[in-house]
C-alpha atoms as a PDB file:
ATOM      1  CA  MET A   1      20.225  51.603  92.345  1.00  0.00           C
ATOM      2  CA  ALA A   2      18.827  49.056  89.888  1.00  0.00           C
ATOM      3  CA  VAL A   3      17.024  51.857  88.070  1.00  0.00           C
ATOM      4  CA  LEU A   4      20.280  53.817  87.733  1.00  0.00           C
ATOM      5  CA  ILE A   5      21.988  50.742  86.301  1.00  0.00           C
ATOM      6  CA  ALA A   6      19.150  50.227  83.807  1.00  0.00           C
ATOM      7  CA  VAL A   7      19.298  53.898  82.788  1.00  0.00           C
ATOM      8  CA  GLY A   8      23.071  53.628  82.335  1.00  0.00           C
ATOM      9  CA  ILE A   9      22.693  50.591  80.097  1.00  0.00           C
ATOM     10  CA  PHE A  10      19.965  52.347  78.092  1.00  0.00           C
ATOM     11  CA  ILE A  11      22.213  55.379  77.599  1.00  0.00           C
ATOM     12  CA  ASN A  12      25.059  53.077  76.507  1.00  0.00           C
ATOM     13  CA  ILE A  13      22.857  51.484  73.872  1.00  0.00           C
ATOM     14  CA  ARG A  14      21.482  54.827  72.664  1.00  0.00           C
ATOM     15  CA  LEU A  15      24.947  56.382  72.355  1.00  0.00           C
ATOM     16  CA  TYR A  16      26.312  53.322  70.568  1.00  0.00           C
ATOM     17  CA  LEU A  17      23.476  53.251  68.050  1.00  0.00           C
ATOM     18  CA  GLY A  18      23.775  56.993  67.431  1.00  0.00           C
ATOM     19  CA  SER A  19      27.512  57.189  66.868  1.00  0.00           C
ATOM     20  CA  TYR A  20      28.732  53.623  66.223  1.00  0.00           C
ATOM     21  CA  GLU A  21      31.517  54.067  68.766  1.00  0.00           C
ATOM     22  CA  LEU A  22      31.449  52.514  72.203  1.00  0.00           C
ATOM     23  CA  PRO A  23      31.371  55.063  75.074  1.00  0.00           C
ATOM     24  CA  ILE A  24      34.008  53.306  77.185  1.00  0.00           C
ATOM     25  CA  GLN A  25      33.838  55.724  80.121  1.00  0.00           C
ATOM     26  CA  LEU A  26      30.090  55.212  80.453  1.00  0.00           C
ATOM     27  CA  VAL A  27      30.460  51.429  80.232  1.00  0.00           C
ATOM     28  CA  VAL A  28      33.132  51.381  82.957  1.00  0.00           C
ATOM     29  CA  GLY A  29      31.031  53.749  85.083  1.00  0.00           C
ATOM     30  CA  THR A  30      28.020  51.461  84.758  1.00  0.00           C
ATOM     31  CA  ALA A  31      30.131  48.433  85.698  1.00  0.00           C
ATOM     32  CA  LEU A  32      31.461  50.337  88.713  1.00  0.00           C
ATOM     33  CA  MET A  33      27.900  51.149  89.765  1.00  0.00           C
ATOM     34  CA  VAL A  34      26.914  47.482  89.438  1.00  0.00           C
ATOM     35  CA  ILE A  35      29.792  46.254  91.593  1.00  0.00           C
ATOM     36  CA  CYS A  36      29.146  48.984  94.167  1.00  0.00           C
ATOM     37  CA  ARG A  37      25.529  47.819  94.382  1.00  0.00           C
ATOM     38  CA  LYS A  38      26.863  44.321  95.036  1.00  0.00           C
ATOM     39  CA  VAL A  39      29.021  45.658  97.874  1.00  0.00           C
ATOM     40  CA  ILE A  40      26.039  47.455  99.425  1.00  0.00           C
ATOM     41  CA  ILE A  41      23.843  44.350  99.480  1.00  0.00           C
ATOM     42  CA  LEU A  42      26.667  41.964 100.466  1.00  0.00           C
ATOM     43  CA  ASP A  43      26.029  39.761 103.503  1.00  0.00           C
ATOM     44  CA  ILE A  44      29.393  39.780 105.279  1.00  0.00           C
ATOM     45  CA  ASP A  45      28.534  36.766 107.469  1.00  0.00           C
ATOM     46  CA  LYS A  46      28.021  34.450 104.488  1.00  0.00           C
ATOM     47  CA  VAL A  47      31.000  35.245 102.235  1.00  0.00           C
ATOM     48  CA  THR A  48      34.589  34.091 102.328  1.00  0.00           C
ATOM     49  CA  PRO A  49      37.563  36.424 102.647  1.00  0.00           C
ATOM     50  CA  SER A  50      38.705  35.539  99.124  1.00  0.00           C
ATOM     51  CA  TYR A  51      35.305  36.655  97.754  1.00  0.00           C
ATOM     52  CA  ILE A  52      35.596  39.994  99.551  1.00  0.00           C
ATOM     53  CA  PHE A  53      39.160  40.372  98.262  1.00  0.00           C
ATOM     54  CA  SER A  54      38.082  39.672  94.694  1.00  0.00           C
ATOM     55  CA  ILE A  55      35.268  42.236  94.891  1.00  0.00           C
ATOM     56  CA  ALA A  56      37.717  44.773  96.315  1.00  0.00           C
ATOM     57  CA  ALA A  57      40.143  44.057  93.478  1.00  0.00           C
ATOM     58  CA  GLY A  58      37.331  44.555  90.970  1.00  0.00           C
ATOM     59  CA  VAL A  59      36.324  47.882  92.524  1.00  0.00           C
ATOM     60  CA  ILE A  60      39.926  49.095  92.515  1.00  0.00           C
ATOM     61  CA  ALA A  61      40.491  47.959  88.913  1.00  0.00           C
ATOM     62  CA  LEU A  62      37.315  49.629  87.682  1.00  0.00           C
ATOM     63  CA  GLY A  63      38.028  52.786  89.668  1.00  0.00           C
ATOM     64  CA  VAL A  64      41.539  53.087  88.274  1.00  0.00           C
ATOM     65  CA  SER A  65      40.247  52.360  84.763  1.00  0.00           C
ATOM     66  CA  TYR A  66      37.580  55.048  85.072  1.00  0.00           C
ATOM     67  CA  TRP A  67      40.134  57.536  86.373  1.00  0.00           C
ATOM     68  CA  LEU A  68      42.591  56.788  83.560  1.00  0.00           C
ATOM     69  CA  ILE A  69      39.893  57.023  80.900  1.00  0.00           C
ATOM     70  CA  SER A  70      38.669  60.359  82.244  1.00  0.00           C
ATOM     71  CA  LYS A  71      42.254  61.649  82.416  1.00  0.00           C
ATOM     72  CA  VAL A  72      42.960  60.679  78.802  1.00  0.00           C
ATOM     73  CA  LYS A  73      39.612  62.098  77.702  1.00  0.00           C
ATOM     74  CA  SER A  74      40.348  65.439  79.381  1.00  0.00           C
ATOM     75  CA  GLN A  75      43.746  65.621  77.633  1.00  0.00           C
ATOM     76  CA  ASP A  76      42.084  65.027  74.253  1.00  0.00           C
ATOM     77  CA  HIS A  77      39.650  67.925  74.733  1.00  0.00           C
ATOM     78  CA  PRO A  78      41.384  70.928  76.340  1.00  0.00           C
END
């Protein structure tokens, strides 16, 4: 999973340097992958309910953001 995150960051940098525009969908996708990795390695016995709630809110926010970005992007390019 760490390798996928590193590859995603590398692709972000390469795309940004090549076109001078930030690939928002790729950035949000990489952030979603990072937070999902955090959920996978989370030790449930050692965290508080508010920490779990905040991670869940982050996953939902990033998921909705990714969905909205992909929906807008698909409307731009029929």
